Amino acid sequence: MAEEQKNWVQRTREYIDEIRSETRRVSWPNRKQVEGTTAVVIVSVFLFAGYFAIVDLVMRRSVSGILTFFTK
């Protein structure tokens, strides 16, 4: 049991050391890049929201018209 515990602790330490090593190799974006990509994401979200609102409106009116046509 003690050997398993020691083995687990050693593996955990090695794993954390590997994580630290990998994060040092990451090339982090600068502030300008983050601001640019954030703006693209925000604009894209609003464009998709508008698109889906229009599609929803058209579909709702179409289905409502079809149901009204067949129920009269």
C-alpha atoms as a PDB file:
ATOM      1  CA  MET A   1       0.000   0.000   0.000  1.00  0.00           C
ATOM      2  CA  ALA A   2       2.776   2.444   0.898  1.00  0.00           C
ATOM      3  CA  GLU A   3       4.537   1.644  -2.391  1.00  0.00           C
ATOM      4  CA  GLU A   4       1.349   2.381  -4.356  1.00  0.00           C
ATOM      5  CA  GLN A   5       0.980   5.694  -2.521  1.00  0.00           C
ATOM      6  CA  LYS A   6       4.576   6.653  -3.273  1.00  0.00           C
ATOM      7  CA  ASN A   7       4.161   5.636  -6.908  1.00  0.00           C
ATOM      8  CA  TRP A   8       0.982   7.717  -7.208  1.00  0.00           C
ATOM      9  CA  VAL A   9       2.650  10.763  -5.623  1.00  0.00           C
ATOM     10  CA  GLN A  10       5.664  10.419  -7.940  1.00  0.00           C
ATOM     11  CA  ARG A  11       3.445  10.117 -11.039  1.00  0.00           C
ATOM     12  CA  THR A  12       1.458  13.160  -9.952  1.00  0.00           C
ATOM     13  CA  ARG A  13       4.611  15.222  -9.506  1.00  0.00           C
ATOM     14  CA  GLU A  14       5.910  14.149 -12.907  1.00  0.00           C
ATOM     15  CA  TYR A  15       2.575  15.061 -14.481  1.00  0.00           C
ATOM     16  CA  ILE A  16       2.626  18.545 -12.922  1.00  0.00           C
ATOM     17  CA  ASP A  17       6.245  19.039 -14.038  1.00  0.00           C
ATOM     18  CA  GLU A  18       5.256  18.093 -17.599  1.00  0.00           C
ATOM     19  CA  ILE A  19       2.365  20.567 -17.498  1.00  0.00           C
ATOM     20  CA  ARG A  20       4.707  23.342 -16.378  1.00  0.00           C
ATOM     21  CA  SER A  21       7.155  22.458 -19.126  1.00  0.00           C
ATOM     22  CA  GLU A  22       4.425  22.554 -21.781  1.00  0.00           C
ATOM     23  CA  THR A  23       3.010  25.895 -20.608  1.00  0.00           C
ATOM     24  CA  ARG A  24       6.461  27.449 -20.920  1.00  0.00           C
ATOM     25  CA  ARG A  25       6.503  26.471 -24.612  1.00  0.00           C
ATOM     26  CA  VAL A  26       3.127  28.039 -25.391  1.00  0.00           C
ATOM     27  CA  SER A  27       3.236  31.212 -27.447  1.00  0.00           C
ATOM     28  CA  TRP A  28       0.731  33.486 -25.762  1.00  0.00           C
ATOM     29  CA  PRO A  29      -1.024  36.158 -27.849  1.00  0.00           C
ATOM     30  CA  ASN A  30      -0.335  39.796 -27.139  1.00  0.00           C
ATOM     31  CA  ARG A  31      -3.024  42.256 -26.072  1.00  0.00           C
ATOM     32  CA  LYS A  32      -3.655  43.547 -29.604  1.00  0.00           C
ATOM     33  CA  GLN A  33      -4.269  40.010 -30.909  1.00  0.00           C
ATOM     34  CA  VAL A  34      -6.650  39.225 -28.049  1.00  0.00           C
ATOM     35  CA  GLU A  35      -8.599  42.434 -28.620  1.00  0.00           C
ATOM     36  CA  GLY A  36      -8.831  41.728 -32.354  1.00  0.00           C
ATOM     37  CA  THR A  37     -10.075  38.178 -31.979  1.00  0.00           C
ATOM     38  CA  THR A  38     -12.486  39.217 -29.232  1.00  0.00           C
ATOM     39  CA  ALA A  39     -13.980  41.862 -31.526  1.00  0.00           C
ATOM     40  CA  VAL A  40     -14.393  39.280 -34.294  1.00  0.00           C
ATOM     41  CA  VAL A  41     -16.168  36.916 -31.916  1.00  0.00           C
ATOM     42  CA  ILE A  42     -18.527  39.619 -30.608  1.00  0.00           C
ATOM     43  CA  VAL A  43     -19.421  40.827 -34.116  1.00  0.00           C
ATOM     44  CA  SER A  44     -19.941  37.237 -35.277  1.00  0.00           C
ATOM     45  CA  VAL A  45     -22.268  36.512 -32.363  1.00  0.00           C
ATOM     46  CA  PHE A  46     -24.433  39.524 -33.180  1.00  0.00           C
ATOM     47  CA  LEU A  47     -24.496  38.674 -36.901  1.00  0.00           C
ATOM     48  CA  PHE A  48     -25.544  35.094 -36.212  1.00  0.00           C
ATOM     49  CA  ALA A  49     -28.154  36.277 -33.698  1.00  0.00           C
ATOM     50  CA  GLY A  50     -29.629  38.606 -36.328  1.00  0.00           C
ATOM     51  CA  TYR A  51     -29.577  35.879 -38.959  1.00  0.00           C
ATOM     52  CA  PHE A  52     -31.333  33.376 -36.705  1.00  0.00           C
ATOM     53  CA  ALA A  53     -33.886  35.995 -35.618  1.00  0.00           C
ATOM     54  CA  ILE A  54     -34.784  36.603 -39.274  1.00  0.00           C
ATOM     55  CA  VAL A  55     -34.935  32.881 -40.052  1.00  0.00           C
ATOM     56  CA  ASP A  56     -37.095  32.331 -36.963  1.00  0.00           C
ATOM     57  CA  LEU A  57     -39.475  35.119 -37.997  1.00  0.00           C
ATOM     58  CA  VAL A  58     -39.813  33.749 -41.547  1.00  0.00           C
ATOM     59  CA  MET A  59     -40.344  30.194 -40.322  1.00  0.00           C
ATOM     60  CA  ARG A  60     -42.859  31.252 -37.676  1.00  0.00           C
ATOM     61  CA  ARG A  61     -44.911  33.232 -40.198  1.00  0.00           C
ATOM     62  CA  SER A  62     -44.713  30.428 -42.768  1.00  0.00           C
ATOM     63  CA  VAL A  63     -45.857  27.748 -40.347  1.00  0.00           C
ATOM     64  CA  SER A  64     -48.556  30.027 -38.976  1.00  0.00           C
ATOM     65  CA  GLY A  65     -49.791  30.754 -42.522  1.00  0.00           C
ATOM     66  CA  ILE A  66     -49.830  27.069 -43.435  1.00  0.00           C
ATOM     67  CA  LEU A  67     -51.709  26.143 -40.265  1.00  0.00           C
ATOM     68  CA  THR A  68     -54.205  28.961 -40.810  1.00  0.00           C
ATOM     69  CA  PHE A  69     -54.739  27.856 -44.431  1.00  0.00           C
ATOM     70  CA  PHE A  70     -55.476  24.247 -43.486  1.00  0.00           C
ATOM     71  CA  THR A  71     -57.617  24.964 -40.416  1.00  0.00           C
ATOM     72  CA  LYS A  72     -60.099  27.273 -42.157  1.00  0.00           C
END
